[in-house]
Amino acid sequence: MRGQCAKQTGSSVSTSASSPADMGAGSSKSPPAAAATALAISANESGSATPAAIATQATQATQAPVSAATPAATPAPAELTTDATNAESVEEPPLKPEQRWDAWKKSYPWLASVEYKDVHQVTGMIGWGSVAGGVLGGLAGARTAAQEFVVANRDTRFTSVLHAKQQYNNACMRGLLQTGANWGWRVGFFIGSFETISRVMERKREKKDMLNIVVSGVCTGGIFGVFSGVQGLKQGLFVGLVLSTVYGAIMQSLWWVQSAATAGTTSAPAIPAATPSPTPVAASTPSSPTSGA
């Protein structure tokens, strides 16, 4: 009996220790199988355990739970949707011109009393005045340059008709650009200074009347005439006074008519619609019984 046990033990030891490849491949086996093999080798080396005990311990090691070797899979974290993420993903709408002007007013306190409507109207009138002055002045300058070219080159001998036309077109183009630029900035500056002074007077006085226009015209005329000396300053003030007075009288009359029409519309009481009177209903009288004769 002891010989059979020794043979079985030796065969088990030789089986477990004979193949080093299997020992190296133990990493690919499951943890319970590796534990059973190690238990059998340790028991064989001690020589105190019986084959039955070795088999029982190996079975228990094989049936050991594998929860420690194979950790449970953790669930994937759910996608977090926060208000900050949503705010970053949503694009902000572009600012309107009024909002941009309000931001400028916060940055520069001296612009607090200036309204966006006034700035928009003044800049628009400066732009359109410059364009109109440039076009009209350019056309007048081109016409004048053409006449001067004809008079100055009446006795000039050109090499060809094409050469004469080229010189003529060049003279007209120079007159158009030079005179147009001069008239454009002058008209734009005149309108801009007039409208700016008028808006400032209106905001400061909190009143819209003819006086604002007259003061604006006189100041603008003086600004243009100051570069021509004392005589030019007097002429500028006089011309500005006359033109602004005429323009102010026209605008004042229009404002009076507009205010009168508005006051008449708001003060007139609303006439209620006439309700039809109910038609009288004739009462039905019972007919008297006729007696038979």
C-alpha atoms as a PDB file:
ATOM      1  CA  MET A   1       0.000   0.000   0.000  1.00  0.00           C
ATOM      2  CA  ARG A   2       2.799   2.358   0.891  1.00  0.00           C
ATOM      3  CA  GLY A   3       4.573   1.479  -2.342  1.00  0.00           C
ATOM      4  CA  GLN A   4       1.503   2.330  -4.421  1.00  0.00           C
ATOM      5  CA  CYS A   5       1.137   5.647  -2.616  1.00  0.00           C
ATOM      6  CA  ALA A   6       4.792   6.432  -3.217  1.00  0.00           C
ATOM      7  CA  LYS A   7       4.412   5.559  -6.882  1.00  0.00           C
ATOM      8  CA  GLN A   8       1.294   7.718  -7.213  1.00  0.00           C
ATOM      9  CA  THR A   9       3.045  10.542  -5.387  1.00  0.00           C
ATOM     10  CA  GLY A  10       6.127  10.265  -7.546  1.00  0.00           C
ATOM     11  CA  SER A  11       4.037  10.189 -10.699  1.00  0.00           C
ATOM     12  CA  SER A  12       2.128  13.275  -9.588  1.00  0.00           C
ATOM     13  CA  VAL A  13       5.370  15.061  -8.734  1.00  0.00           C
ATOM     14  CA  SER A  14       6.946  14.069 -11.994  1.00  0.00           C
ATOM     15  CA  THR A  15       3.833  15.138 -13.863  1.00  0.00           C
ATOM     16  CA  SER A  16       3.747  18.522 -12.150  1.00  0.00           C
ATOM     17  CA  ALA A  17       7.480  19.226 -12.277  1.00  0.00           C
ATOM     18  CA  SER A  18       8.553  17.455 -15.478  1.00  0.00           C
ATOM     19  CA  SER A  19       7.311  20.058 -17.923  1.00  0.00           C
ATOM     20  CA  PRO A  20       8.809  23.523 -17.337  1.00  0.00           C
ATOM     21  CA  ALA A  21       6.789  24.797 -20.280  1.00  0.00           C
ATOM     22  CA  ASP A  22       3.642  24.069 -18.330  1.00  0.00           C
ATOM     23  CA  MET A  23       5.082  25.987 -15.385  1.00  0.00           C
ATOM     24  CA  GLY A  24       5.884  28.899 -17.638  1.00  0.00           C
ATOM     25  CA  ALA A  25       2.420  28.728 -19.148  1.00  0.00           C
ATOM     26  CA  GLY A  26       0.846  28.862 -15.709  1.00  0.00           C
ATOM     27  CA  SER A  27       0.157  32.490 -16.233  1.00  0.00           C
ATOM     28  CA  SER A  28      -2.296  31.565 -18.966  1.00  0.00           C
ATOM     29  CA  LYS A  29      -4.156  29.110 -16.689  1.00  0.00           C
ATOM     30  CA  SER A  30      -6.867  30.087 -14.267  1.00  0.00           C
ATOM     31  CA  PRO A  31      -5.815  31.060 -10.698  1.00  0.00           C
ATOM     32  CA  PRO A  32      -7.496  27.998  -9.021  1.00  0.00           C
ATOM     33  CA  ALA A  33      -5.614  25.549 -11.285  1.00  0.00           C
ATOM     34  CA  ALA A  34      -2.292  27.242 -10.533  1.00  0.00           C
ATOM     35  CA  ALA A  35      -3.048  27.136  -6.797  1.00  0.00           C
ATOM     36  CA  ALA A  36      -3.850  23.402  -6.959  1.00  0.00           C
ATOM     37  CA  THR A  37      -0.582  22.638  -8.758  1.00  0.00           C
ATOM     38  CA  ALA A  38       1.454  24.638  -6.213  1.00  0.00           C
ATOM     39  CA  LEU A  39      -0.323  22.864  -3.345  1.00  0.00           C
ATOM     40  CA  ALA A  40       0.481  19.470  -4.780  1.00  0.00           C
ATOM     41  CA  ILE A  41       4.167  20.327  -5.212  1.00  0.00           C
ATOM     42  CA  SER A  42       4.480  21.650  -1.638  1.00  0.00           C
ATOM     43  CA  ALA A  43       2.765  18.563  -0.179  1.00  0.00           C
ATOM     44  CA  ASN A  44       5.009  16.249  -2.205  1.00  0.00           C
ATOM     45  CA  GLU A  45       8.141  17.989  -0.953  1.00  0.00           C
ATOM     46  CA  SER A  46       7.037  17.713   2.686  1.00  0.00           C
ATOM     47  CA  GLY A  47       6.119  14.036   2.327  1.00  0.00           C
ATOM     48  CA  SER A  48       3.692  14.201   5.233  1.00  0.00           C
ATOM     49  CA  ALA A  49       0.419  14.482   3.318  1.00  0.00           C
ATOM     50  CA  THR A  50      -1.409  11.478   1.891  1.00  0.00           C
ATOM     51  CA  PRO A  51      -2.620  11.376  -1.707  1.00  0.00           C
ATOM     52  CA  ALA A  52      -6.232  11.645  -0.555  1.00  0.00           C
ATOM     53  CA  ALA A  53      -5.480  14.799   1.409  1.00  0.00           C
ATOM     54  CA  ILE A  54      -3.610  16.240  -1.520  1.00  0.00           C
ATOM     55  CA  ALA A  55      -6.553  15.542  -3.831  1.00  0.00           C
ATOM     56  CA  THR A  56      -9.010  17.123  -1.345  1.00  0.00           C
ATOM     57  CA  GLN A  57      -6.920  20.269  -0.985  1.00  0.00           C
ATOM     58  CA  ALA A  58      -6.514  20.522  -4.748  1.00  0.00           C
ATOM     59  CA  THR A  59     -10.287  20.230  -5.230  1.00  0.00           C
ATOM     60  CA  GLN A  60     -10.923  22.938  -2.649  1.00  0.00           C
ATOM     61  CA  ALA A  61      -8.362  25.227  -4.259  1.00  0.00           C
ATOM     62  CA  THR A  62      -9.909  24.605  -7.684  1.00  0.00           C
ATOM     63  CA  GLN A  63     -13.384  25.440  -6.405  1.00  0.00           C
ATOM     64  CA  ALA A  64     -12.152  28.640  -4.715  1.00  0.00           C
ATOM     65  CA  PRO A  65     -14.057  31.789  -5.761  1.00  0.00           C
ATOM     66  CA  VAL A  66     -12.449  33.811  -8.521  1.00  0.00           C
ATOM     67  CA  SER A  67     -13.901  37.157  -7.478  1.00  0.00           C
ATOM     68  CA  ALA A  68     -10.526  38.352  -6.177  1.00  0.00           C
ATOM     69  CA  ALA A  69      -8.665  37.409  -9.379  1.00  0.00           C
ATOM     70  CA  THR A  70     -11.187  38.834 -11.828  1.00  0.00           C
ATOM     71  CA  PRO A  71     -12.504  42.213 -10.631  1.00  0.00           C
ATOM     72  CA  ALA A  72     -16.035  43.103 -11.591  1.00  0.00           C
ATOM     73  CA  ALA A  73     -16.380  45.416 -14.565  1.00  0.00           C
ATOM     74  CA  THR A  74     -17.302  48.933 -13.470  1.00  0.00           C
ATOM     75  CA  PRO A  75     -20.110  50.582 -15.402  1.00  0.00           C
ATOM     76  CA  ALA A  76     -19.123  53.339 -17.801  1.00  0.00           C
ATOM     77  CA  PRO A  77     -19.795  56.793 -16.370  1.00  0.00           C
ATOM     78  CA  ALA A  78     -22.819  58.461 -17.814  1.00  0.00           C
ATOM     79  CA  GLU A  79     -22.297  61.554 -19.934  1.00  0.00           C
ATOM     80  CA  LEU A  80     -22.546  64.676 -17.836  1.00  0.00           C
ATOM     81  CA  THR A  81     -24.598  67.455 -19.354  1.00  0.00           C
ATOM     82  CA  THR A  82     -24.180  70.588 -17.299  1.00  0.00           C
ATOM     83  CA  ASP A  83     -25.364  74.079 -17.884  1.00  0.00           C
ATOM     84  CA  ALA A  84     -21.792  75.237 -18.466  1.00  0.00           C
ATOM     85  CA  THR A  85     -21.308  72.697 -21.266  1.00  0.00           C
ATOM     86  CA  ASN A  86     -24.578  73.708 -22.867  1.00  0.00           C
ATOM     87  CA  ALA A  87     -23.660  77.378 -22.571  1.00  0.00           C
ATOM     88  CA  GLU A  88     -20.334  76.781 -24.285  1.00  0.00           C
ATOM     89  CA  SER A  89     -21.906  74.743 -27.074  1.00  0.00           C
ATOM     90  CA  VAL A  90     -24.544  77.407 -27.847  1.00  0.00           C
ATOM     91  CA  GLU A  91     -23.118  80.308 -29.817  1.00  0.00           C
ATOM     92  CA  GLU A  92     -23.958  83.787 -28.583  1.00  0.00           C
ATOM     93  CA  PRO A  93     -25.880  85.974 -31.055  1.00  0.00           C
ATOM     94  CA  PRO A  94     -23.975  88.955 -32.472  1.00  0.00           C
ATOM     95  CA  LEU A  95     -24.415  92.257 -30.683  1.00  0.00           C
ATOM     96  CA  LYS A  96     -26.667  94.878 -32.187  1.00  0.00           C
ATOM     97  CA  PRO A  97     -25.322  98.382 -32.882  1.00  0.00           C
ATOM     98  CA  GLU A  98     -27.298  99.760 -29.934  1.00  0.00           C
ATOM     99  CA  GLN A  99     -25.738  97.193 -27.587  1.00  0.00           C
ATOM    100  CA  ARG A 100     -22.255  97.992 -28.862  1.00  0.00           C
ATOM    101  CA  TRP A 101     -22.848 101.696 -28.290  1.00  0.00           C
ATOM    102  CA  ASP A 102     -24.031 100.950 -24.724  1.00  0.00           C
ATOM    103  CA  ALA A 103     -20.775  99.073 -24.128  1.00  0.00           C
ATOM    104  CA  TRP A 104     -18.820 102.090 -25.401  1.00  0.00           C
ATOM    105  CA  LYS A 105     -20.762 104.346 -23.039  1.00  0.00           C
ATOM    106  CA  LYS A 106     -19.814 102.129 -20.104  1.00  0.00           C
ATOM    107  CA  SER A 107     -16.150 102.256 -21.107  1.00  0.00           C
ATOM    108  CA  TYR A 108     -16.124 106.027 -21.713  1.00  0.00           C
ATOM    109  CA  PRO A 109     -18.279 107.946 -19.200  1.00  0.00           C
ATOM    110  CA  TRP A 110     -18.165 111.182 -21.213  1.00  0.00           C
ATOM    111  CA  LEU A 111     -20.354 109.474 -23.832  1.00  0.00           C
ATOM    112  CA  ALA A 112     -23.133 108.768 -21.324  1.00  0.00           C
ATOM    113  CA  SER A 113     -25.324 111.652 -22.552  1.00  0.00           C
ATOM    114  CA  VAL A 114     -24.951 110.748 -26.245  1.00  0.00           C
ATOM    115  CA  GLU A 115     -27.658 108.584 -27.728  1.00  0.00           C
ATOM    116  CA  TYR A 116     -27.076 106.021 -30.446  1.00  0.00           C
ATOM    117  CA  LYS A 117     -29.831 107.556 -32.585  1.00  0.00           C
ATOM    118  CA  ASP A 118     -27.969 110.870 -32.759  1.00  0.00           C
ATOM    119  CA  VAL A 119     -24.673 109.206 -33.642  1.00  0.00           C
ATOM    120  CA  HIS A 120     -26.311 107.092 -36.328  1.00  0.00           C
ATOM    121  CA  GLN A 121     -28.065 110.055 -37.925  1.00  0.00           C
ATOM    122  CA  VAL A 122     -25.007 112.336 -37.821  1.00  0.00           C
ATOM    123  CA  THR A 123     -22.656 109.744 -39.310  1.00  0.00           C
ATOM    124  CA  GLY A 124     -25.210 108.854 -41.963  1.00  0.00           C
ATOM    125  CA  MET A 125     -25.654 112.478 -42.998  1.00  0.00           C
ATOM    126  CA  ILE A 126     -21.870 112.995 -43.094  1.00  0.00           C
ATOM    127  CA  GLY A 127     -21.453 109.992 -45.353  1.00  0.00           C
ATOM    128  CA  TRP A 128     -24.260 110.862 -47.737  1.00  0.00           C
ATOM    129  CA  GLY A 129     -23.220 114.528 -47.787  1.00  0.00           C
ATOM    130  CA  SER A 130     -19.657 113.577 -48.685  1.00  0.00           C
ATOM    131  CA  VAL A 131     -20.854 111.298 -51.466  1.00  0.00           C
ATOM    132  CA  ALA A 132     -23.239 113.886 -52.868  1.00  0.00           C
ATOM    133  CA  GLY A 133     -20.643 116.668 -52.670  1.00  0.00           C
ATOM    134  CA  GLY A 134     -18.006 114.453 -54.295  1.00  0.00           C
ATOM    135  CA  VAL A 135     -20.259 113.473 -57.197  1.00  0.00           C
ATOM    136  CA  LEU A 136     -21.627 116.941 -57.906  1.00  0.00           C
ATOM    137  CA  GLY A 137     -18.277 118.634 -57.401  1.00  0.00           C
ATOM    138  CA  GLY A 138     -16.534 116.017 -59.534  1.00  0.00           C
ATOM    139  CA  LEU A 139     -18.928 116.519 -62.439  1.00  0.00           C
ATOM    140  CA  ALA A 140     -18.515 120.277 -62.231  1.00  0.00           C
ATOM    141  CA  GLY A 141     -14.729 119.926 -62.044  1.00  0.00           C
ATOM    142  CA  ALA A 142     -14.629 117.587 -65.041  1.00  0.00           C
ATOM    143  CA  ARG A 143     -16.682 120.033 -67.114  1.00  0.00           C
ATOM    144  CA  THR A 144     -14.465 122.958 -66.125  1.00  0.00           C
ATOM    145  CA  ALA A 145     -11.300 120.969 -66.825  1.00  0.00           C
ATOM    146  CA  ALA A 146     -12.587 120.017 -70.284  1.00  0.00           C
ATOM    147  CA  GLN A 147     -13.275 123.648 -71.168  1.00  0.00           C
ATOM    148  CA  GLU A 148      -9.885 124.755 -69.899  1.00  0.00           C
ATOM    149  CA  PHE A 149      -8.149 122.019 -71.891  1.00  0.00           C
ATOM    150  CA  VAL A 150      -9.850 123.054 -75.112  1.00  0.00           C
ATOM    151  CA  VAL A 151      -8.946 126.718 -74.582  1.00  0.00           C
ATOM    152  CA  ALA A 152      -5.369 126.011 -73.537  1.00  0.00           C
ATOM    153  CA  ASN A 153      -4.616 123.550 -76.376  1.00  0.00           C
ATOM    154  CA  ARG A 154      -6.375 125.330 -79.219  1.00  0.00           C
ATOM    155  CA  ASP A 155      -3.089 125.871 -81.056  1.00  0.00           C
ATOM    156  CA  THR A 156      -1.410 122.638 -79.896  1.00  0.00           C
ATOM    157  CA  ARG A 157      -0.423 120.120 -82.557  1.00  0.00           C
ATOM    158  CA  PHE A 158      -0.928 116.542 -81.412  1.00  0.00           C
ATOM    159  CA  THR A 159       0.704 113.531 -83.049  1.00  0.00           C
ATOM    160  CA  SER A 160      -2.651 111.855 -83.706  1.00  0.00           C
ATOM    161  CA  VAL A 161      -6.320 112.036 -82.901  1.00  0.00           C
ATOM    162  CA  LEU A 162      -5.874 109.216 -80.383  1.00  0.00           C
ATOM    163  CA  HIS A 163      -3.185 111.220 -78.593  1.00  0.00           C
ATOM    164  CA  ALA A 164      -5.487 114.269 -78.398  1.00  0.00           C
ATOM    165  CA  LYS A 165      -8.335 112.206 -76.978  1.00  0.00           C
ATOM    166  CA  GLN A 166      -6.055 110.641 -74.376  1.00  0.00           C
ATOM    167  CA  GLN A 167      -4.879 114.061 -73.191  1.00  0.00           C
ATOM    168  CA  TYR A 168      -8.449 115.332 -73.111  1.00  0.00           C
ATOM    169  CA  ASN A 169      -9.662 112.332 -71.051  1.00  0.00           C
ATOM    170  CA  ASN A 170      -6.738 112.678 -68.650  1.00  0.00           C
ATOM    171  CA  ALA A 171      -7.563 116.324 -68.033  1.00  0.00           C
ATOM    172  CA  CYS A 172     -11.223 115.512 -67.399  1.00  0.00           C
ATOM    173  CA  MET A 173     -10.314 112.692 -65.005  1.00  0.00           C
ATOM    174  CA  ARG A 174      -7.948 114.941 -63.039  1.00  0.00           C
ATOM    175  CA  GLY A 175     -10.630 117.597 -62.717  1.00  0.00           C
ATOM    176  CA  LEU A 176     -13.181 114.994 -61.654  1.00  0.00           C
ATOM    177  CA  LEU A 177     -11.013 113.506 -58.905  1.00  0.00           C
ATOM    178  CA  GLN A 178      -9.480 116.695 -57.559  1.00  0.00           C
ATOM    179  CA  THR A 179     -12.626 118.802 -57.497  1.00  0.00           C
ATOM    180  CA  GLY A 180     -14.734 115.881 -56.294  1.00  0.00           C
ATOM    181  CA  ALA A 181     -12.405 115.201 -53.359  1.00  0.00           C
ATOM    182  CA  ASN A 182     -12.326 118.885 -52.386  1.00  0.00           C
ATOM    183  CA  TRP A 183     -16.076 119.257 -52.530  1.00  0.00           C
ATOM    184  CA  GLY A 184     -16.696 115.908 -50.846  1.00  0.00           C
ATOM    185  CA  TRP A 185     -14.794 116.562 -47.628  1.00  0.00           C
ATOM    186  CA  ARG A 186     -16.016 120.160 -47.431  1.00  0.00           C
ATOM    187  CA  VAL A 187     -19.681 119.225 -47.743  1.00  0.00           C
ATOM    188  CA  GLY A 188     -19.252 116.309 -45.329  1.00  0.00           C
ATOM    189  CA  PHE A 189     -17.500 118.518 -42.777  1.00  0.00           C
ATOM    190  CA  PHE A 190     -20.118 121.257 -43.160  1.00  0.00           C
ATOM    191  CA  ILE A 191     -23.040 118.880 -42.620  1.00  0.00           C
ATOM    192  CA  GLY A 192     -21.261 117.052 -39.813  1.00  0.00           C
ATOM    193  CA  SER A 193     -20.431 120.190 -37.855  1.00  0.00           C
ATOM    194  CA  PHE A 194     -23.911 121.640 -38.396  1.00  0.00           C
ATOM    195  CA  GLU A 195     -25.712 118.477 -37.260  1.00  0.00           C
ATOM    196  CA  THR A 196     -23.366 117.894 -34.321  1.00  0.00           C
ATOM    197  CA  ILE A 197     -23.830 121.404 -32.934  1.00  0.00           C
ATOM    198  CA  SER A 198     -27.572 121.190 -33.496  1.00  0.00           C
ATOM    199  CA  ARG A 199     -27.828 117.867 -31.609  1.00  0.00           C
ATOM    200  CA  VAL A 200     -25.717 119.162 -28.743  1.00  0.00           C
ATOM    201  CA  MET A 201     -27.880 122.283 -28.450  1.00  0.00           C
ATOM    202  CA  GLU A 202     -31.028 120.178 -28.507  1.00  0.00           C
ATOM    203  CA  ARG A 203     -29.742 117.854 -25.754  1.00  0.00           C
ATOM    204  CA  LYS A 204     -28.477 120.659 -23.554  1.00  0.00           C
ATOM    205  CA  ARG A 205     -31.562 122.872 -23.879  1.00  0.00           C
ATOM    206  CA  GLU A 206     -33.959 119.909 -23.988  1.00  0.00           C
ATOM    207  CA  LYS A 207     -35.912 121.794 -26.608  1.00  0.00           C
ATOM    208  CA  LYS A 208     -36.267 121.439 -30.375  1.00  0.00           C
ATOM    209  CA  ASP A 209     -36.801 124.826 -32.018  1.00  0.00           C
ATOM    210  CA  MET A 210     -35.403 127.313 -34.518  1.00  0.00           C
ATOM    211  CA  LEU A 211     -32.705 128.629 -32.168  1.00  0.00           C
ATOM    212  CA  ASN A 212     -30.731 125.399 -32.332  1.00  0.00           C
ATOM    213  CA  ILE A 213     -30.568 125.630 -36.128  1.00  0.00           C
ATOM    214  CA  VAL A 214     -29.547 129.279 -36.188  1.00  0.00           C
ATOM    215  CA  VAL A 215     -26.725 128.786 -33.671  1.00  0.00           C
ATOM    216  CA  SER A 216     -25.499 125.731 -35.584  1.00  0.00           C
ATOM    217  CA  GLY A 217     -25.469 127.622 -38.887  1.00  0.00           C
ATOM    218  CA  VAL A 218     -23.599 130.616 -37.468  1.00  0.00           C
ATOM    219  CA  CYS A 219     -20.971 128.423 -35.786  1.00  0.00           C
ATOM    220  CA  THR A 220     -20.461 126.340 -38.919  1.00  0.00           C
ATOM    221  CA  GLY A 221     -20.106 129.424 -41.126  1.00  0.00           C
ATOM    222  CA  GLY A 222     -17.566 130.859 -38.720  1.00  0.00           C
ATOM    223  CA  ILE A 223     -15.560 127.619 -38.759  1.00  0.00           C
ATOM    224  CA  PHE A 224     -15.340 127.694 -42.556  1.00  0.00           C
ATOM    225  CA  GLY A 225     -14.543 131.394 -42.740  1.00  0.00           C
ATOM    226  CA  VAL A 226     -11.884 131.496 -40.036  1.00  0.00           C
ATOM    227  CA  PHE A 227      -9.244 130.052 -42.405  1.00  0.00           C
ATOM    228  CA  SER A 228      -9.641 133.062 -44.746  1.00  0.00           C
ATOM    229  CA  GLY A 229      -8.833 135.728 -42.200  1.00  0.00           C
ATOM    230  CA  VAL A 230     -11.028 138.304 -40.516  1.00  0.00           C
ATOM    231  CA  GLN A 231     -12.892 139.205 -43.679  1.00  0.00           C
ATOM    232  CA  GLY A 232     -13.575 135.545 -44.411  1.00  0.00           C
ATOM    233  CA  LEU A 233     -14.766 135.027 -40.846  1.00  0.00           C
ATOM    234  CA  LYS A 234     -17.272 137.880 -41.177  1.00  0.00           C
ATOM    235  CA  GLN A 235     -18.545 136.548 -44.464  1.00  0.00           C
ATOM    236  CA  GLY A 236     -18.855 133.046 -43.050  1.00  0.00           C
ATOM    237  CA  LEU A 237     -20.820 134.229 -40.044  1.00  0.00           C
ATOM    238  CA  PHE A 238     -23.155 136.318 -42.226  1.00  0.00           C
ATOM    239  CA  VAL A 239     -23.783 133.538 -44.752  1.00  0.00           C
ATOM    240  CA  GLY A 240     -24.316 131.010 -41.964  1.00  0.00           C
ATOM    241  CA  LEU A 241     -26.769 133.327 -40.229  1.00  0.00           C
ATOM    242  CA  VAL A 242     -28.835 133.928 -43.372  1.00  0.00           C
ATOM    243  CA  LEU A 243     -28.964 130.309 -44.515  1.00  0.00           C
ATOM    244  CA  SER A 244     -29.655 128.901 -41.048  1.00  0.00           C
ATOM    245  CA  THR A 245     -32.401 131.457 -40.459  1.00  0.00           C
ATOM    246  CA  VAL A 246     -34.195 130.467 -43.648  1.00  0.00           C
ATOM    247  CA  TYR A 247     -33.760 126.777 -42.963  1.00  0.00           C
ATOM    248  CA  GLY A 248     -34.799 127.197 -39.313  1.00  0.00           C
ATOM    249  CA  ALA A 249     -37.953 129.096 -40.260  1.00  0.00           C
ATOM    250  CA  ILE A 250     -38.990 126.337 -42.663  1.00  0.00           C
ATOM    251  CA  MET A 251     -38.337 123.601 -40.104  1.00  0.00           C
ATOM    252  CA  GLN A 252     -40.101 125.534 -37.324  1.00  0.00           C
ATOM    253  CA  SER A 253     -43.226 125.930 -39.434  1.00  0.00           C
ATOM    254  CA  LEU A 254     -43.202 122.211 -40.213  1.00  0.00           C
ATOM    255  CA  TRP A 255     -42.838 121.386 -36.518  1.00  0.00           C
ATOM    256  CA  TRP A 256     -45.775 123.640 -35.656  1.00  0.00           C
ATOM    257  CA  VAL A 257     -47.977 121.978 -38.247  1.00  0.00           C
ATOM    258  CA  GLN A 258     -46.930 118.548 -37.038  1.00  0.00           C
ATOM    259  CA  SER A 259     -47.554 119.392 -33.378  1.00  0.00           C
ATOM    260  CA  ALA A 260     -50.959 120.900 -34.196  1.00  0.00           C
ATOM    261  CA  ALA A 261     -51.979 117.803 -36.141  1.00  0.00           C
ATOM    262  CA  THR A 262     -50.800 115.552 -33.317  1.00  0.00           C
ATOM    263  CA  ALA A 263     -52.611 117.617 -30.675  1.00  0.00           C
ATOM    264  CA  GLY A 264     -55.809 117.584 -32.731  1.00  0.00           C
ATOM    265  CA  THR A 265     -55.629 113.823 -33.127  1.00  0.00           C
ATOM    266  CA  THR A 266     -55.050 113.158 -29.440  1.00  0.00           C
ATOM    267  CA  SER A 267     -57.537 115.733 -28.061  1.00  0.00           C
ATOM    268  CA  ALA A 268     -60.516 114.841 -30.266  1.00  0.00           C
ATOM    269  CA  PRO A 269     -62.828 112.526 -28.285  1.00  0.00           C
ATOM    270  CA  ALA A 270     -63.824 109.332 -29.902  1.00  0.00           C
ATOM    271  CA  ILE A 271     -67.417 109.386 -31.139  1.00  0.00           C
ATOM    272  CA  PRO A 272     -69.179 106.221 -30.110  1.00  0.00           C
ATOM    273  CA  ALA A 273     -70.937 104.327 -32.814  1.00  0.00           C
ATOM    274  CA  ALA A 274     -74.666 104.915 -32.922  1.00  0.00           C
ATOM    275  CA  THR A 275     -76.581 101.893 -31.712  1.00  0.00           C
ATOM    276  CA  PRO A 276     -79.791 101.169 -33.594  1.00  0.00           C
ATOM    277  CA  SER A 277     -82.908 101.834 -31.534  1.00  0.00           C
ATOM    278  CA  PRO A 278     -85.095  98.795 -30.964  1.00  0.00           C
ATOM    279  CA  THR A 279     -88.190  98.736 -33.134  1.00  0.00           C
ATOM    280  CA  PRO A 280     -91.460  98.776 -31.126  1.00  0.00           C
ATOM    281  CA  VAL A 281     -93.402  95.571 -31.268  1.00  0.00           C
ATOM    282  CA  ALA A 282     -97.173  95.993 -31.611  1.00  0.00           C
ATOM    283  CA  ALA A 283     -99.118  94.180 -28.921  1.00  0.00           C
ATOM    284  CA  SER A 284    -101.537  91.614 -30.237  1.00  0.00           C
ATOM    285  CA  THR A 285    -105.167  92.286 -29.116  1.00  0.00           C
ATOM    286  CA  PRO A 286    -107.525  89.346 -28.789  1.00  0.00           C
ATOM    287  CA  SER A 287    -110.308  89.413 -31.356  1.00  0.00           C
ATOM    288  CA  SER A 288    -113.834  89.892 -29.949  1.00  0.00           C
ATOM    289  CA  PRO A 289    -116.185  86.947 -30.537  1.00  0.00           C
ATOM    290  CA  THR A 290    -118.928  87.720 -33.031  1.00  0.00           C
ATOM    291  CA  SER A 291    -122.443  86.810 -32.028  1.00  0.00           C
ATOM    292  CA  GLY A 292    -124.508  85.009 -34.632  1.00  0.00           C
ATOM    293  CA  ALA A 293    -127.758  86.698 -35.519  1.00  0.00           C
END
